[in-house]
Amino acid sequence: MAFICVMCDKPESDCLCEKYCMLCKSPEGLRLCADGCYYCEPCREACDFQPED
């Protein structure tokens, strides 16, 4: 099952939303995580969020 963006209800590959990290607002290295939000790599590591493989 693909992770779905909370803004547009589409998977990461089809999402056209403006993307930024939900925690630090960084636009770099973003990935969609299970909660439907995008996070940068440092925030994913700090919070132990895993992007979809």
PDB file of N, CA and C in Angstrom:
ATOM      1  N   MET A   1       0.841  -1.184   0.000  1.00  0.00           N
ATOM      2  CA  MET A   1       0.000   0.000   0.000  1.00  0.00           C
ATOM      3  C   MET A   1       0.886   1.248   0.000  1.00  0.00           C
ATOM      4  N   ALA A   2       0.632   2.174  -0.886  1.00  0.00           N
ATOM      5  CA  ALA A   2       1.428   3.391  -1.009  1.00  0.00           C
ATOM      6  C   ALA A   2       1.016   4.415   0.049  1.00  0.00           C
ATOM      7  N   PHE A   3       1.992   5.206   0.500  1.00  0.00           N
ATOM      8  CA  PHE A   3       1.678   6.319   1.392  1.00  0.00           C
ATOM      9  C   PHE A   3       0.958   7.378   0.574  1.00  0.00           C
ATOM     10  N   ILE A   4      -0.021   8.043   1.167  1.00  0.00           N
ATOM     11  CA  ILE A   4      -0.851   9.010   0.475  1.00  0.00           C
ATOM     12  C   ILE A   4      -0.684  10.397   1.110  1.00  0.00           C
ATOM     13  N   CYS A   5      -0.474  11.404   0.280  1.00  0.00           N
ATOM     14  CA  CYS A   5      -0.339  12.789   0.742  1.00  0.00           C
ATOM     15  C   CYS A   5      -1.653  13.256   1.358  1.00  0.00           C
ATOM     16  N   VAL A   6      -1.580  13.898   2.532  1.00  0.00           N
ATOM     17  CA  VAL A   6      -2.789  14.373   3.199  1.00  0.00           C
ATOM     18  C   VAL A   6      -3.417  15.567   2.488  1.00  0.00           C
ATOM     19  N   MET A   7      -2.652  16.266   1.671  1.00  0.00           N
ATOM     20  CA  MET A   7      -3.171  17.455   0.988  1.00  0.00           C
ATOM     21  C   MET A   7      -3.950  17.096  -0.272  1.00  0.00           C
ATOM     22  N   CYS A   8      -3.433  16.154  -1.074  1.00  0.00           N
ATOM     23  CA  CYS A   8      -4.047  15.881  -2.380  1.00  0.00           C
ATOM     24  C   CYS A   8      -4.575  14.454  -2.528  1.00  0.00           C
ATOM     25  N   ASP A   9      -4.371  13.617  -1.536  1.00  0.00           N
ATOM     26  CA  ASP A   9      -4.824  12.218  -1.570  1.00  0.00           C
ATOM     27  C   ASP A   9      -4.216  11.428  -2.719  1.00  0.00           C
ATOM     28  N   LYS A  10      -2.961  11.731  -3.062  1.00  0.00           N
ATOM     29  CA  LYS A  10      -2.247  11.002  -4.111  1.00  0.00           C
ATOM     30  C   LYS A  10      -0.954  10.434  -3.546  1.00  0.00           C
ATOM     31  N   PRO A  11      -0.430   9.373  -4.165  1.00  0.00           N
ATOM     32  CA  PRO A  11       0.865   8.831  -3.717  1.00  0.00           C
ATOM     33  C   PRO A  11       1.993   9.807  -4.072  1.00  0.00           C
ATOM     34  N   GLU A  12       3.143   9.612  -3.447  1.00  0.00           N
ATOM     35  CA  GLU A  12       4.294  10.510  -3.635  1.00  0.00           C
ATOM     36  C   GLU A  12       4.628  10.712  -5.113  1.00  0.00           C
ATOM     37  N   SER A  13       4.558   9.659  -5.916  1.00  0.00           N
ATOM     38  CA  SER A  13       4.925   9.747  -7.328  1.00  0.00           C
ATOM     39  C   SER A  13       3.977  10.626  -8.145  1.00  0.00           C
ATOM     40  N   ASP A  14       2.742  10.822  -7.676  1.00  0.00           N
ATOM     41  CA  ASP A  14       1.755  11.635  -8.396  1.00  0.00           C
ATOM     42  C   ASP A  14       1.467  12.977  -7.727  1.00  0.00           C
ATOM     43  N   CYS A  15       2.013  13.207  -6.558  1.00  0.00           N
ATOM     44  CA  CYS A  15       1.740  14.414  -5.780  1.00  0.00           C
ATOM     45  C   CYS A  15       2.390  15.632  -6.436  1.00  0.00           C
ATOM     46  N   LEU A  16       1.602  16.679  -6.648  1.00  0.00           N
ATOM     47  CA  LEU A  16       2.093  17.927  -7.224  1.00  0.00           C
ATOM     48  C   LEU A  16       2.032  19.074  -6.223  1.00  0.00           C
ATOM     49  N   CYS A  17       1.816  18.762  -4.969  1.00  0.00           N
ATOM     50  CA  CYS A  17       1.741  19.779  -3.917  1.00  0.00           C
ATOM     51  C   CYS A  17       3.089  20.478  -3.734  1.00  0.00           C
ATOM     52  N   GLU A  18       3.035  21.692  -3.197  1.00  0.00           N
ATOM     53  CA  GLU A  18       4.268  22.376  -2.802  1.00  0.00           C
ATOM     54  C   GLU A  18       4.823  21.595  -1.616  1.00  0.00           C
ATOM     55  N   LYS A  19       6.064  21.135  -1.731  1.00  0.00           N
ATOM     56  CA  LYS A  19       6.619  20.235  -0.719  1.00  0.00           C
ATOM     57  C   LYS A  19       7.639  20.947   0.165  1.00  0.00           C
ATOM     58  N   TYR A  20       7.520  20.705   1.461  1.00  0.00           N
ATOM     59  CA  TYR A  20       8.472  21.185   2.453  1.00  0.00           C
ATOM     60  C   TYR A  20       8.325  20.312   3.688  1.00  0.00           C
ATOM     61  N   CYS A  21       9.377  20.244   4.481  1.00  0.00           N
ATOM     62  CA  CYS A  21       9.356  19.426   5.692  1.00  0.00           C
ATOM     63  C   CYS A  21       8.331  19.991   6.680  1.00  0.00           C
ATOM     64  N   MET A  22       7.478  19.140   7.192  1.00  0.00           N
ATOM     65  CA  MET A  22       6.442  19.569   8.131  1.00  0.00           C
ATOM     66  C   MET A  22       7.010  20.030   9.471  1.00  0.00           C
ATOM     67  N   LEU A  23       8.244  19.659   9.776  1.00  0.00           N
ATOM     68  CA  LEU A  23       8.830  20.059  11.058  1.00  0.00           C
ATOM     69  C   LEU A  23       9.709  21.300  10.941  1.00  0.00           C
ATOM     70  N   CYS A  24      10.637  21.303   9.979  1.00  0.00           N
ATOM     71  CA  CYS A  24      11.595  22.414   9.906  1.00  0.00           C
ATOM     72  C   CYS A  24      11.400  23.304   8.688  1.00  0.00           C
ATOM     73  N   LYS A  25      10.475  22.944   7.809  1.00  0.00           N
ATOM     74  CA  LYS A  25      10.124  23.699   6.603  1.00  0.00           C
ATOM     75  C   LYS A  25      11.193  23.655   5.511  1.00  0.00           C
ATOM     76  N   SER A  26      12.171  22.773   5.633  1.00  0.00           N
ATOM     77  CA  SER A  26      13.203  22.622   4.612  1.00  0.00           C
ATOM     78  C   SER A  26      12.597  22.067   3.320  1.00  0.00           C
ATOM     79  N   PRO A  27      13.063  22.554   2.153  1.00  0.00           N
ATOM     80  CA  PRO A  27      12.594  22.010   0.882  1.00  0.00           C
ATOM     81  C   PRO A  27      13.513  20.910   0.330  1.00  0.00           C
ATOM     82  N   GLU A  28      14.529  20.514   1.092  1.00  0.00           N
ATOM     83  CA  GLU A  28      15.557  19.585   0.617  1.00  0.00           C
ATOM     84  C   GLU A  28      15.339  18.159   1.114  1.00  0.00           C
ATOM     85  N   GLY A  29      15.554  17.189   0.227  1.00  0.00           N
ATOM     86  CA  GLY A  29      15.572  15.769   0.606  1.00  0.00           C
ATOM     87  C   GLY A  29      14.270  15.245   1.171  1.00  0.00           C
ATOM     88  N   LEU A  30      13.178  15.696   0.643  1.00  0.00           N
ATOM     89  CA  LEU A  30      11.870  15.338   1.192  1.00  0.00           C
ATOM     90  C   LEU A  30      11.389  13.979   0.729  1.00  0.00           C
ATOM     91  N   ARG A  31      10.690  13.308   1.624  1.00  0.00           N
ATOM     92  CA  ARG A  31      10.030  12.033   1.316  1.00  0.00           C
ATOM     93  C   ARG A  31       8.718  12.004   2.072  1.00  0.00           C
ATOM     94  N   LEU A  32       7.738  11.390   1.456  1.00  0.00           N
ATOM     95  CA  LEU A  32       6.430  11.212   2.068  1.00  0.00           C
ATOM     96  C   LEU A  32       6.502  10.051   3.061  1.00  0.00           C
ATOM     97  N   CYS A  33       5.971  10.256   4.250  1.00  0.00           N
ATOM     98  CA  CYS A  33       5.993   9.214   5.284  1.00  0.00           C
ATOM     99  C   CYS A  33       4.577   8.726   5.573  1.00  0.00           C
ATOM    100  N   ALA A  34       4.470   7.733   6.429  1.00  0.00           N
ATOM    101  CA  ALA A  34       3.202   7.041   6.684  1.00  0.00           C
ATOM    102  C   ALA A  34       2.079   7.959   7.143  1.00  0.00           C
ATOM    103  N   ASP A  35       2.394   9.076   7.795  1.00  0.00           N
ATOM    104  CA  ASP A  35       1.342   9.980   8.271  1.00  0.00           C
ATOM    105  C   ASP A  35       0.807  10.897   7.176  1.00  0.00           C
ATOM    106  N   GLY A  36       1.365  10.774   5.947  1.00  0.00           N
ATOM    107  CA  GLY A  36       0.890  11.560   4.819  1.00  0.00           C
ATOM    108  C   GLY A  36       1.564  12.904   4.672  1.00  0.00           C
ATOM    109  N   CYS A  37       2.595  13.145   5.451  1.00  0.00           N
ATOM    110  CA  CYS A  37       3.332  14.411   5.398  1.00  0.00           C
ATOM    111  C   CYS A  37       4.750  14.175   4.892  1.00  0.00           C
ATOM    112  N   TYR A  38       5.357  15.250   4.401  1.00  0.00           N
ATOM    113  CA  TYR A  38       6.728  15.189   3.909  1.00  0.00           C
ATOM    114  C   TYR A  38       7.703  15.638   4.993  1.00  0.00           C
ATOM    115  N   TYR A  39       8.854  14.930   5.057  1.00  0.00           N
ATOM    116  CA  TYR A  39       9.899  15.261   6.023  1.00  0.00           C
ATOM    117  C   TYR A  39      11.255  15.173   5.347  1.00  0.00           C
ATOM    118  N   CYS A  40      12.178  16.051   5.749  1.00  0.00           N
ATOM    119  CA  CYS A  40      13.548  15.996   5.234  1.00  0.00           C
ATOM    120  C   CYS A  40      14.297  14.869   5.947  1.00  0.00           C
ATOM    121  N   GLU A  41      15.444  14.504   5.420  1.00  0.00           N
ATOM    122  CA  GLU A  41      16.197  13.383   5.982  1.00  0.00           C
ATOM    123  C   GLU A  41      16.589  13.595   7.445  1.00  0.00           C
ATOM    124  N   PRO A  42      17.129  14.773   7.839  1.00  0.00           N
ATOM    125  CA  PRO A  42      17.482  14.942   9.257  1.00  0.00           C
ATOM    126  C   PRO A  42      16.282  14.798  10.202  1.00  0.00           C
ATOM    127  N   CYS A  43      15.144  15.330   9.807  1.00  0.00           N
ATOM    128  CA  CYS A  43      13.946  15.207  10.659  1.00  0.00           C
ATOM    129  C   CYS A  43      13.422  13.780  10.680  1.00  0.00           C
ATOM    130  N   ARG A  44      13.483  13.083   9.538  1.00  0.00           N
ATOM    131  CA  ARG A  44      13.068  11.671   9.514  1.00  0.00           C
ATOM    132  C   ARG A  44      13.933  10.855  10.451  1.00  0.00           C
ATOM    133  N   GLU A  45      15.230  11.088  10.422  1.00  0.00           N
ATOM    134  CA  GLU A  45      16.139  10.334  11.289  1.00  0.00           C
ATOM    135  C   GLU A  45      15.899  10.663  12.757  1.00  0.00           C
ATOM    136  N   ALA A  46      15.713  11.946  13.076  1.00  0.00           N
ATOM    137  CA  ALA A  46      15.507  12.366  14.464  1.00  0.00           C
ATOM    138  C   ALA A  46      14.210  11.807  15.034  1.00  0.00           C
ATOM    139  N   CYS A  47      13.192  11.704  14.204  1.00  0.00           N
ATOM    140  CA  CYS A  47      11.868  11.250  14.671  1.00  0.00           C
ATOM    141  C   CYS A  47      11.591   9.793  14.320  1.00  0.00           C
ATOM    142  N   ASP A  48      12.540   9.143  13.687  1.00  0.00           N
ATOM    143  CA  ASP A  48      12.397   7.749  13.295  1.00  0.00           C
ATOM    144  C   ASP A  48      11.202   7.506  12.363  1.00  0.00           C
ATOM    145  N   PHE A  49      11.003   8.446  11.420  1.00  0.00           N
ATOM    146  CA  PHE A  49       9.984   8.282  10.389  1.00  0.00           C
ATOM    147  C   PHE A  49      10.619   7.561   9.207  1.00  0.00           C
ATOM    148  N   GLN A  50       9.915   6.609   8.652  1.00  0.00           N
ATOM    149  CA  GLN A  50      10.418   5.841   7.527  1.00  0.00           C
ATOM    150  C   GLN A  50       9.621   6.171   6.270  1.00  0.00           C
ATOM    151  N   PRO A  51      10.311   6.575   5.194  1.00  0.00           N
ATOM    152  CA  PRO A  51       9.605   6.785   3.938  1.00  0.00           C
ATOM    153  C   PRO A  51       9.273   5.443   3.296  1.00  0.00           C
ATOM    154  N   GLU A  52       8.401   5.476   2.333  1.00  0.00           N
ATOM    155  CA  GLU A  52       8.055   4.272   1.605  1.00  0.00           C
ATOM    156  C   GLU A  52       9.262   3.784   0.804  1.00  0.00           C
ATOM    157  N   ASP A  53       9.442   2.487   0.740  1.00  0.00           N
ATOM    158  CA  ASP A  53      10.579   1.925  -0.024  1.00  0.00           C
ATOM    159  C   ASP A  53      10.357   2.056  -1.502  1.00  0.00           C
TER     160      ASP A  53
END
